[in-house]
Amino acid sequence: TIAMIRTGRVRDNLMIHLRPTSEKLRYRALRVVME
């Protein structure tokens, strides 16, 4: 996780490169963009 943070895969404390392949993850992606 620290490696992912340090290589730009996390912004603030949100995962900005998640793969929204389910309803839960699509809703999470929507919330991340809104935030």
PDB file of all heavy atoms in Angstrom:
ATOM      1  N   THR A   1       0.822  -1.213   0.000  1.00  0.00           N
ATOM      2  CA  THR A   1       0.000   0.000   0.000  1.00  0.00           C
ATOM      3  C   THR A   1       0.852   1.258   0.000  1.00  0.00           C
ATOM      4  O   THR A   1       0.552   2.228  -0.716  1.00  0.00           O
ATOM      5  CB  THR A   1      -0.954  -0.004   1.210  1.00  0.00           C
ATOM      6  OG1 THR A   1      -1.685  -1.229   1.230  1.00  0.00           O
ATOM      7  CG2 THR A   1      -1.929   1.165   1.130  1.00  0.00           C
ATOM      8  N   ILE A   2       1.922   1.266   0.786  1.00  0.00           N
ATOM      9  CA  ILE A   2       2.810   2.437   0.785  1.00  0.00           C
ATOM     10  C   ILE A   2       3.424   2.622  -0.595  1.00  0.00           C
ATOM     11  O   ILE A   2       3.558   3.745  -1.092  1.00  0.00           O
ATOM     12  CB  ILE A   2       3.889   2.291   1.876  1.00  0.00           C
ATOM     13  CG1 ILE A   2       3.247   2.417   3.266  1.00  0.00           C
ATOM     14  CG2 ILE A   2       4.998   3.328   1.706  1.00  0.00           C
ATOM     15  CD1 ILE A   2       4.173   2.109   4.420  1.00  0.00           C
ATOM     16  N   ALA A   3       3.779   1.517  -1.247  1.00  0.00           N
ATOM     17  CA  ALA A   3       4.322   1.624  -2.601  1.00  0.00           C
ATOM     18  C   ALA A   3       3.289   2.226  -3.550  1.00  0.00           C
ATOM     19  O   ALA A   3       3.623   3.070  -4.397  1.00  0.00           O
ATOM     20  CB  ALA A   3       4.762   0.250  -3.099  1.00  0.00           C
ATOM     21  N   MET A   4       2.032   1.827  -3.417  1.00  0.00           N
ATOM     22  CA  MET A   4       0.988   2.380  -4.277  1.00  0.00           C
ATOM     23  C   MET A   4       0.772   3.879  -3.986  1.00  0.00           C
ATOM     24  O   MET A   4       0.555   4.676  -4.912  1.00  0.00           O
ATOM     25  CB  MET A   4      -0.321   1.618  -4.077  1.00  0.00           C
ATOM     26  CG  MET A   4      -0.301   0.164  -4.537  1.00  0.00           C
ATOM     27  SD  MET A   4       0.006  -0.053  -6.318  1.00  0.00           S
ATOM     28  CE  MET A   4       1.748  -0.518  -6.293  1.00  0.00           C
ATOM     29  N   ILE A   5       0.842   4.252  -2.726  1.00  0.00           N
ATOM     30  CA  ILE A   5       0.703   5.671  -2.368  1.00  0.00           C
ATOM     31  C   ILE A   5       1.842   6.481  -2.969  1.00  0.00           C
ATOM     32  O   ILE A   5       1.632   7.533  -3.591  1.00  0.00           O
ATOM     33  CB  ILE A   5       0.671   5.835  -0.833  1.00  0.00           C
ATOM     34  CG1 ILE A   5      -0.596   5.189  -0.249  1.00  0.00           C
ATOM     35  CG2 ILE A   5       0.741   7.311  -0.447  1.00  0.00           C
ATOM     36  CD1 ILE A   5      -0.591   5.081   1.265  1.00  0.00           C
ATOM     37  N   ARG A   6       3.048   5.970  -2.823  1.00  0.00           N
ATOM     38  CA  ARG A   6       4.236   6.704  -3.273  1.00  0.00           C
ATOM     39  C   ARG A   6       4.333   6.767  -4.799  1.00  0.00           C
ATOM     40  O   ARG A   6       5.043   7.618  -5.340  1.00  0.00           O
ATOM     41  CB  ARG A   6       5.505   6.085  -2.702  1.00  0.00           C
ATOM     42  CG  ARG A   6       5.563   6.038  -1.178  1.00  0.00           C
ATOM     43  CD  ARG A   6       5.551   7.412  -0.563  1.00  0.00           C
ATOM     44  NE  ARG A   6       6.780   8.141  -0.871  1.00  0.00           N
ATOM     45  CZ  ARG A   6       6.985   9.420  -0.541  1.00  0.00           C
ATOM     46  NH1 ARG A   6       6.036  10.110   0.072  1.00  0.00           N
ATOM     47  NH2 ARG A   6       8.136  10.004  -0.845  1.00  0.00           N
ATOM     48  N   THR A   7       3.663   5.870  -5.488  1.00  0.00           N
ATOM     49  CA  THR A   7       3.719   5.876  -6.960  1.00  0.00           C
ATOM     50  C   THR A   7       2.474   6.514  -7.573  1.00  0.00           C
ATOM     51  O   THR A   7       2.188   6.333  -8.762  1.00  0.00           O
ATOM     52  CB  THR A   7       3.888   4.444  -7.501  1.00  0.00           C
ATOM     53  OG1 THR A   7       2.852   3.606  -6.979  1.00  0.00           O
ATOM     54  CG2 THR A   7       5.243   3.877  -7.115  1.00  0.00           C
ATOM     55  N   GLY A   8       1.708   7.250  -6.762  1.00  0.00           N
ATOM     56  CA  GLY A   8       0.621   8.058  -7.293  1.00  0.00           C
ATOM     57  C   GLY A   8      -0.693   7.353  -7.526  1.00  0.00           C
ATOM     58  O   GLY A   8      -1.555   7.870  -8.239  1.00  0.00           O
ATOM     59  N   ARG A   9      -0.888   6.186  -6.914  1.00  0.00           N
ATOM     60  CA  ARG A   9      -2.137   5.471  -7.112  1.00  0.00           C
ATOM     61  C   ARG A   9      -3.204   5.867  -6.089  1.00  0.00           C
ATOM     62  O   ARG A   9      -4.339   5.375  -6.153  1.00  0.00           O
ATOM     63  CB  ARG A   9      -1.907   3.949  -7.032  1.00  0.00           C
ATOM     64  CG  ARG A   9      -0.732   3.422  -7.811  1.00  0.00           C
ATOM     65  CD  ARG A   9      -0.750   3.793  -9.277  1.00  0.00           C
ATOM     66  NE  ARG A   9      -1.817   3.124 -10.028  1.00  0.00           N
ATOM     67  CZ  ARG A   9      -1.936   3.195 -11.348  1.00  0.00           C
ATOM     68  NH1 ARG A   9      -1.067   3.924 -12.051  1.00  0.00           N
ATOM     69  NH2 ARG A   9      -2.918   2.586 -11.973  1.00  0.00           N
ATOM     70  N   VAL A  10      -2.865   6.749  -5.161  1.00  0.00           N
ATOM     71  CA  VAL A  10      -3.788   7.225  -4.128  1.00  0.00           C
ATOM     72  C   VAL A  10      -3.727   8.743  -4.087  1.00  0.00           C
ATOM     73  O   VAL A  10      -2.641   9.332  -4.158  1.00  0.00           O
ATOM     74  CB  VAL A  10      -3.431   6.635  -2.745  1.00  0.00           C
ATOM     75  CG1 VAL A  10      -4.306   7.246  -1.646  1.00  0.00           C
ATOM     76  CG2 VAL A  10      -3.553   5.115  -2.749  1.00  0.00           C
ATOM     77  N   ARG A  11      -4.889   9.402  -3.987  1.00  0.00           N
ATOM     78  CA  ARG A  11      -4.939  10.853  -3.807  1.00  0.00           C
ATOM     79  C   ARG A  11      -5.712  11.135  -2.525  1.00  0.00           C
ATOM     80  O   ARG A  11      -6.827  10.635  -2.355  1.00  0.00           O
ATOM     81  CB  ARG A  11      -5.602  11.523  -4.995  1.00  0.00           C
ATOM     82  CG  ARG A  11      -5.429  13.040  -5.012  1.00  0.00           C
ATOM     83  CD  ARG A  11      -5.969  13.646  -6.297  1.00  0.00           C
ATOM     84  NE  ARG A  11      -5.302  13.102  -7.483  1.00  0.00           N
ATOM     85  CZ  ARG A  11      -5.636  13.434  -8.725  1.00  0.00           C
ATOM     86  NH1 ARG A  11      -6.626  14.316  -8.934  1.00  0.00           N
ATOM     87  NH2 ARG A  11      -5.005  12.905  -9.751  1.00  0.00           N
ATOM     88  N   ASP A  12      -5.119  11.961  -1.667  1.00  0.00           N
ATOM     89  CA  ASP A  12      -5.644  12.130  -0.319  1.00  0.00           C
ATOM     90  C   ASP A  12      -5.619  10.736   0.324  1.00  0.00           C
ATOM     91  O   ASP A  12      -4.557  10.144   0.432  1.00  0.00           O
ATOM     92  CB  ASP A  12      -7.036  12.752  -0.356  1.00  0.00           C
ATOM     93  CG  ASP A  12      -7.455  13.299   1.014  1.00  0.00           C
ATOM     94  OD1 ASP A  12      -6.834  12.906   2.016  1.00  0.00           O
ATOM     95  OD2 ASP A  12      -8.388  14.110   1.081  1.00  0.00           O
ATOM     96  N   ASN A  13      -6.775  10.224   0.729  1.00  0.00           N
ATOM     97  CA  ASN A  13      -6.789   8.829   1.178  1.00  0.00           C
ATOM     98  C   ASN A  13      -7.782   8.010   0.368  1.00  0.00           C
ATOM     99  O   ASN A  13      -8.397   7.060   0.850  1.00  0.00           O
ATOM    100  CB  ASN A  13      -7.125   8.752   2.671  1.00  0.00           C
ATOM    101  CG  ASN A  13      -8.538   9.214   2.977  1.00  0.00           C
ATOM    102  OD1 ASN A  13      -9.144   9.928   2.187  1.00  0.00           O
ATOM    103  ND2 ASN A  13      -9.056   8.820   4.148  1.00  0.00           N
ATOM    104  N   LEU A  14      -7.888   8.366  -0.907  1.00  0.00           N
ATOM    105  CA  LEU A  14      -8.847   7.712  -1.794  1.00  0.00           C
ATOM    106  C   LEU A  14      -8.145   7.005  -2.951  1.00  0.00           C
ATOM    107  O   LEU A  14      -7.161   7.518  -3.494  1.00  0.00           O
ATOM    108  CB  LEU A  14      -9.837   8.739  -2.350  1.00  0.00           C
ATOM    109  CG  LEU A  14     -10.686   9.470  -1.305  1.00  0.00           C
ATOM    110  CD1 LEU A  14     -11.491  10.577  -1.969  1.00  0.00           C
ATOM    111  CD2 LEU A  14     -11.601   8.498  -0.577  1.00  0.00           C
ATOM    112  N   MET A  15      -8.668   5.850  -3.324  1.00  0.00           N
ATOM    113  CA  MET A  15      -8.086   5.085  -4.433  1.00  0.00           C
ATOM    114  C   MET A  15      -8.639   5.627  -5.753  1.00  0.00           C
ATOM    115  O   MET A  15      -9.829   5.531  -6.017  1.00  0.00           O
ATOM    116  CB  MET A  15      -8.386   3.587  -4.270  1.00  0.00           C
ATOM    117  CG  MET A  15      -9.842   3.236  -4.093  1.00  0.00           C
ATOM    118  SD  MET A  15     -10.150   1.441  -3.863  1.00  0.00           S
ATOM    119  CE  MET A  15      -9.780   1.255  -2.130  1.00  0.00           C
ATOM    120  N   ILE A  16      -7.761   6.226  -6.537  1.00  0.00           N
ATOM    121  CA  ILE A  16      -8.205   6.910  -7.751  1.00  0.00           C
ATOM    122  C   ILE A  16      -7.997   6.079  -9.013  1.00  0.00           C
ATOM    123  O   ILE A  16      -8.262   6.557 -10.113  1.00  0.00           O
ATOM    124  CB  ILE A  16      -7.501   8.281  -7.899  1.00  0.00           C
ATOM    125  CG1 ILE A  16      -5.987   8.093  -7.998  1.00  0.00           C
ATOM    126  CG2 ILE A  16      -7.862   9.203  -6.752  1.00  0.00           C
ATOM    127  CD1 ILE A  16      -5.245   9.358  -8.372  1.00  0.00           C
ATOM    128  N   HIS A  17      -7.519   4.850  -8.835  1.00  0.00           N
ATOM    129  CA  HIS A  17      -7.332   3.974  -9.988  1.00  0.00           C
ATOM    130  C   HIS A  17      -8.059   2.653  -9.812  1.00  0.00           C
ATOM    131  O   HIS A  17      -7.720   1.669 -10.476  1.00  0.00           O
ATOM    132  CB  HIS A  17      -5.842   3.722 -10.236  1.00  0.00           C
ATOM    133  CG  HIS A  17      -5.103   4.924 -10.738  1.00  0.00           C
ATOM    134  ND1 HIS A  17      -5.056   5.257 -12.066  1.00  0.00           N
ATOM    135  CD2 HIS A  17      -4.403   5.872 -10.070  1.00  0.00           C
ATOM    136  CE1 HIS A  17      -4.338   6.366 -12.215  1.00  0.00           C
ATOM    137  NE2 HIS A  17      -3.938   6.765 -11.024  1.00  0.00           N
ATOM    138  N   LEU A  18      -9.042   2.622  -8.921  1.00  0.00           N
ATOM    139  CA  LEU A  18      -9.793   1.385  -8.738  1.00  0.00           C
ATOM    140  C   LEU A  18     -10.521   1.001 -10.019  1.00  0.00           C
ATOM    141  O   LEU A  18     -10.820   1.858 -10.854  1.00  0.00           O
ATOM    142  CB  LEU A  18     -10.797   1.530  -7.603  1.00  0.00           C
ATOM    143  CG  LEU A  18     -12.134   2.244  -7.879  1.00  0.00           C
ATOM    144  CD1 LEU A  18     -13.168   1.845  -6.863  1.00  0.00           C
ATOM    145  CD2 LEU A  18     -11.938   3.752  -7.879  1.00  0.00           C
ATOM    146  N   ARG A  19     -10.806  -0.282 -10.159  1.00  0.00           N
ATOM    147  CA  ARG A  19     -11.521  -0.777 -11.327  1.00  0.00           C
ATOM    148  C   ARG A  19     -12.985  -1.014 -10.939  1.00  0.00           C
ATOM    149  O   ARG A  19     -13.288  -1.982 -10.227  1.00  0.00           O
ATOM    150  CB  ARG A  19     -10.887  -2.071 -11.827  1.00  0.00           C
ATOM    151  CG  ARG A  19      -9.465  -1.857 -12.344  1.00  0.00           C
ATOM    152  CD  ARG A  19      -8.805  -3.173 -12.683  1.00  0.00           C
ATOM    153  NE  ARG A  19      -7.457  -2.972 -13.188  1.00  0.00           N
ATOM    154  CZ  ARG A  19      -6.577  -3.955 -13.380  1.00  0.00           C
ATOM    155  NH1 ARG A  19      -6.916  -5.203 -13.104  1.00  0.00           N
ATOM    156  NH2 ARG A  19      -5.362  -3.696 -13.831  1.00  0.00           N
ATOM    157  N   PRO A  20     -13.897  -0.172 -11.385  1.00  0.00           N
ATOM    158  CA  PRO A  20     -15.305  -0.273 -10.961  1.00  0.00           C
ATOM    159  C   PRO A  20     -16.044  -1.383 -11.696  1.00  0.00           C
ATOM    160  O   PRO A  20     -16.826  -1.141 -12.618  1.00  0.00           O
ATOM    161  CB  PRO A  20     -15.859   1.114 -11.298  1.00  0.00           C
ATOM    162  CG  PRO A  20     -15.018   1.604 -12.420  1.00  0.00           C
ATOM    163  CD  PRO A  20     -13.650   1.016 -12.223  1.00  0.00           C
ATOM    164  N   THR A  21     -15.818  -2.607 -11.289  1.00  0.00           N
ATOM    165  CA  THR A  21     -16.368  -3.768 -11.993  1.00  0.00           C
ATOM    166  C   THR A  21     -17.591  -4.355 -11.299  1.00  0.00           C
ATOM    167  O   THR A  21     -18.089  -5.402 -11.711  1.00  0.00           O
ATOM    168  CB  THR A  21     -15.286  -4.856 -12.112  1.00  0.00           C
ATOM    169  OG1 THR A  21     -14.775  -5.144 -10.798  1.00  0.00           O
ATOM    170  CG2 THR A  21     -14.149  -4.394 -13.003  1.00  0.00           C
ATOM    171  N   SER A  22     -18.072  -3.727 -10.236  1.00  0.00           N
ATOM    172  CA  SER A  22     -19.271  -4.194  -9.540  1.00  0.00           C
ATOM    173  C   SER A  22     -20.076  -2.978  -9.106  1.00  0.00           C
ATOM    174  O   SER A  22     -19.602  -1.831  -9.172  1.00  0.00           O
ATOM    175  CB  SER A  22     -18.904  -5.035  -8.319  1.00  0.00           C
ATOM    176  OG  SER A  22     -18.264  -4.229  -7.335  1.00  0.00           O
ATOM    177  N   GLU A  23     -21.310  -3.209  -8.656  1.00  0.00           N
ATOM    178  CA  GLU A  23     -22.139  -2.099  -8.191  1.00  0.00           C
ATOM    179  C   GLU A  23     -21.463  -1.347  -7.049  1.00  0.00           C
ATOM    180  O   GLU A  23     -21.470  -0.117  -7.011  1.00  0.00           O
ATOM    181  CB  GLU A  23     -23.509  -2.615  -7.745  1.00  0.00           C
ATOM    182  CG  GLU A  23     -24.434  -2.996  -8.889  1.00  0.00           C
ATOM    183  CD  GLU A  23     -25.841  -3.286  -8.388  1.00  0.00           C
ATOM    184  OE1 GLU A  23     -26.042  -3.290  -7.152  1.00  0.00           O
ATOM    185  OE2 GLU A  23     -26.730  -3.493  -9.228  1.00  0.00           O
ATOM    186  N   LYS A  24     -20.902  -2.094  -6.116  1.00  0.00           N
ATOM    187  CA  LYS A  24     -20.232  -1.464  -4.973  1.00  0.00           C
ATOM    188  C   LYS A  24     -19.088  -0.566  -5.439  1.00  0.00           C
ATOM    189  O   LYS A  24     -18.939   0.573  -4.986  1.00  0.00           O
ATOM    190  CB  LYS A  24     -19.690  -2.540  -4.024  1.00  0.00           C
ATOM    191  CG  LYS A  24     -18.933  -1.978  -2.826  1.00  0.00           C
ATOM    192  CD  LYS A  24     -18.263  -3.082  -2.038  1.00  0.00           C
ATOM    193  CE  LYS A  24     -17.045  -3.630  -2.770  1.00  0.00           C
ATOM    194  NZ  LYS A  24     -16.290  -4.598  -1.950  1.00  0.00           N
ATOM    195  N   LEU A  25     -18.285  -1.073  -6.366  1.00  0.00           N
ATOM    196  CA  LEU A  25     -17.125  -0.306  -6.820  1.00  0.00           C
ATOM    197  C   LEU A  25     -17.536   0.867  -7.716  1.00  0.00           C
ATOM    198  O   LEU A  25     -16.869   1.911  -7.715  1.00  0.00           O
ATOM    199  CB  LEU A  25     -16.149  -1.228  -7.538  1.00  0.00           C
ATOM    200  CG  LEU A  25     -15.502  -2.310  -6.655  1.00  0.00           C
ATOM    201  CD1 LEU A  25     -14.603  -3.212  -7.488  1.00  0.00           C
ATOM    202  CD2 LEU A  25     -14.707  -1.676  -5.510  1.00  0.00           C
ATOM    203  N   ARG A  26     -18.615   0.709  -8.473  1.00  0.00           N
ATOM    204  CA  ARG A  26     -19.076   1.855  -9.268  1.00  0.00           C
ATOM    205  C   ARG A  26     -19.588   2.975  -8.363  1.00  0.00           C
ATOM    206  O   ARG A  26     -19.349   4.160  -8.621  1.00  0.00           O
ATOM    207  CB  ARG A  26     -20.158   1.396 -10.255  1.00  0.00           C
ATOM    208  CG  ARG A  26     -19.602   0.625 -11.447  1.00  0.00           C
ATOM    209  CD  ARG A  26     -20.642   0.410 -12.520  1.00  0.00           C
ATOM    210  NE  ARG A  26     -21.643  -0.561 -12.118  1.00  0.00           N
ATOM    211  CZ  ARG A  26     -21.518  -1.880 -12.287  1.00  0.00           C
ATOM    212  NH1 ARG A  26     -20.416  -2.383 -12.844  1.00  0.00           N
ATOM    213  NH2 ARG A  26     -22.492  -2.709 -11.917  1.00  0.00           N
ATOM    214  N   TYR A  27     -20.280   2.596  -7.302  1.00  0.00           N
ATOM    215  CA  TYR A  27     -20.742   3.617  -6.361  1.00  0.00           C
ATOM    216  C   TYR A  27     -19.541   4.273  -5.665  1.00  0.00           C
ATOM    217  O   TYR A  27     -19.505   5.488  -5.460  1.00  0.00           O
ATOM    218  CB  TYR A  27     -21.673   2.992  -5.321  1.00  0.00           C
ATOM    219  CG  TYR A  27     -22.160   3.972  -4.280  1.00  0.00           C
ATOM    220  CD1 TYR A  27     -23.018   5.022  -4.620  1.00  0.00           C
ATOM    221  CD2 TYR A  27     -21.742   3.867  -2.954  1.00  0.00           C
ATOM    222  CE1 TYR A  27     -23.454   5.930  -3.676  1.00  0.00           C
ATOM    223  CE2 TYR A  27     -22.170   4.771  -2.000  1.00  0.00           C
ATOM    224  CZ  TYR A  27     -23.032   5.805  -2.361  1.00  0.00           C
ATOM    225  OH  TYR A  27     -23.453   6.702  -1.419  1.00  0.00           O
ATOM    226  N   ARG A  28     -18.523   3.444  -5.329  1.00  0.00           N
ATOM    227  CA  ARG A  28     -17.329   4.009  -4.699  1.00  0.00           C
ATOM    228  C   ARG A  28     -16.624   4.980  -5.649  1.00  0.00           C
ATOM    229  O   ARG A  28     -16.166   6.048  -5.237  1.00  0.00           O
ATOM    230  CB  ARG A  28     -16.371   2.889  -4.284  1.00  0.00           C
ATOM    231  CG  ARG A  28     -15.105   3.377  -3.583  1.00  0.00           C
ATOM    232  CD  ARG A  28     -14.203   2.209  -3.199  1.00  0.00           C
ATOM    233  NE  ARG A  28     -14.852   1.356  -2.230  1.00  0.00           N
ATOM    234  CZ  ARG A  28     -14.435   0.118  -1.913  1.00  0.00           C
ATOM    235  NH1 ARG A  28     -13.369  -0.381  -2.544  1.00  0.00           N
ATOM    236  NH2 ARG A  28     -15.060  -0.593  -1.016  1.00  0.00           N
ATOM    237  N   ALA A  29     -16.520   4.606  -6.928  1.00  0.00           N
ATOM    238  CA  ALA A  29     -15.898   5.493  -7.915  1.00  0.00           C
ATOM    239  C   ALA A  29     -16.651   6.816  -7.991  1.00  0.00           C
ATOM    240  O   ALA A  29     -16.041   7.896  -8.075  1.00  0.00           O
ATOM    241  CB  ALA A  29     -15.868   4.807  -9.278  1.00  0.00           C
ATOM    242  N   LEU A  30     -17.983   6.744  -7.974  1.00  0.00           N
ATOM    243  CA  LEU A  30     -18.791   7.967  -8.014  1.00  0.00           C
ATOM    244  C   LEU A  30     -18.500   8.854  -6.815  1.00  0.00           C
ATOM    245  O   LEU A  30     -18.312  10.079  -6.949  1.00  0.00           O
ATOM    246  CB  LEU A  30     -20.278   7.586  -8.059  1.00  0.00           C
ATOM    247  CG  LEU A  30     -21.280   8.733  -8.211  1.00  0.00           C
ATOM    248  CD1 LEU A  30     -21.166   9.349  -9.603  1.00  0.00           C
ATOM    249  CD2 LEU A  30     -22.706   8.224  -7.964  1.00  0.00           C
ATOM    250  N   ARG A  31     -18.420   8.264  -5.638  1.00  0.00           N
ATOM    251  CA  ARG A  31     -18.141   9.037  -4.418  1.00  0.00           C
ATOM    252  C   ARG A  31     -16.747   9.656  -4.453  1.00  0.00           C
ATOM    253  O   ARG A  31     -16.548  10.798  -4.017  1.00  0.00           O
ATOM    254  CB  ARG A  31     -18.258   8.127  -3.196  1.00  0.00           C
ATOM    255  CG  ARG A  31     -19.670   7.650  -2.897  1.00  0.00           C
ATOM    256  CD  ARG A  31     -20.516   8.783  -2.326  1.00  0.00           C
ATOM    257  NE  ARG A  31     -19.910   9.355  -1.142  1.00  0.00           N
ATOM    258  CZ  ARG A  31     -20.094   8.896   0.108  1.00  0.00           C
ATOM    259  NH1 ARG A  31     -20.872   7.847   0.299  1.00  0.00           N
ATOM    260  NH2 ARG A  31     -19.514   9.485   1.121  1.00  0.00           N
ATOM    261  N   VAL A  32     -15.770   8.920  -4.992  1.00  0.00           N
ATOM    262  CA  VAL A  32     -14.405   9.453  -5.080  1.00  0.00           C
ATOM    263  C   VAL A  32     -14.376  10.688  -5.972  1.00  0.00           C
ATOM    264  O   VAL A  32     -13.765  11.714  -5.627  1.00  0.00           O
ATOM    265  CB  VAL A  32     -13.441   8.366  -5.609  1.00  0.00           C
ATOM    266  CG1 VAL A  32     -12.084   8.974  -5.962  1.00  0.00           C
ATOM    267  CG2 VAL A  32     -13.258   7.260  -4.574  1.00  0.00           C
ATOM    268  N   VAL A  33     -15.030  10.620  -7.124  1.00  0.00           N
ATOM    269  CA  VAL A  33     -15.068  11.770  -8.029  1.00  0.00           C
ATOM    270  C   VAL A  33     -15.775  12.950  -7.361  1.00  0.00           C
ATOM    271  O   VAL A  33     -15.322  14.106  -7.442  1.00  0.00           O
ATOM    272  CB  VAL A  33     -15.750  11.386  -9.357  1.00  0.00           C
ATOM    273  CG1 VAL A  33     -15.915  12.612 -10.256  1.00  0.00           C
ATOM    274  CG2 VAL A  33     -14.927  10.316 -10.078  1.00  0.00           C
ATOM    275  N   MET A  34     -16.882  12.690  -6.710  1.00  0.00           N
ATOM    276  CA  MET A  34     -17.609  13.757  -6.027  1.00  0.00           C
ATOM    277  C   MET A  34     -16.755  14.424  -4.954  1.00  0.00           C
ATOM    278  O   MET A  34     -16.774  15.651  -4.791  1.00  0.00           O
ATOM    279  CB  MET A  34     -18.891  13.187  -5.391  1.00  0.00           C
ATOM    280  CG  MET A  34     -19.944  12.752  -6.395  1.00  0.00           C
ATOM    281  SD  MET A  34     -21.320  11.829  -5.648  1.00  0.00           S
ATOM    282  CE  MET A  34     -21.995  13.075  -4.541  1.00  0.00           C
ATOM    283  N   GLU A  35     -15.980  13.649  -4.234  1.00  0.00           N
ATOM    284  CA  GLU A  35     -15.131  14.178  -3.156  1.00  0.00           C
ATOM    285  C   GLU A  35     -13.967  15.007  -3.692  1.00  0.00           C
ATOM    286  O   GLU A  35     -13.635  16.057  -3.166  1.00  0.00           O
ATOM    287  CB  GLU A  35     -14.575  13.021  -2.324  1.00  0.00           C
ATOM    288  CG  GLU A  35     -15.599  12.333  -1.458  1.00  0.00           C
ATOM    289  CD  GLU A  35     -15.799  13.043  -0.125  1.00  0.00           C
ATOM    290  OE1 GLU A  35     -14.981  13.920   0.209  1.00  0.00           O
ATOM    291  OE2 GLU A  35     -16.776  12.718   0.577  1.00  0.00           O
TER     292      GLU A  35
END
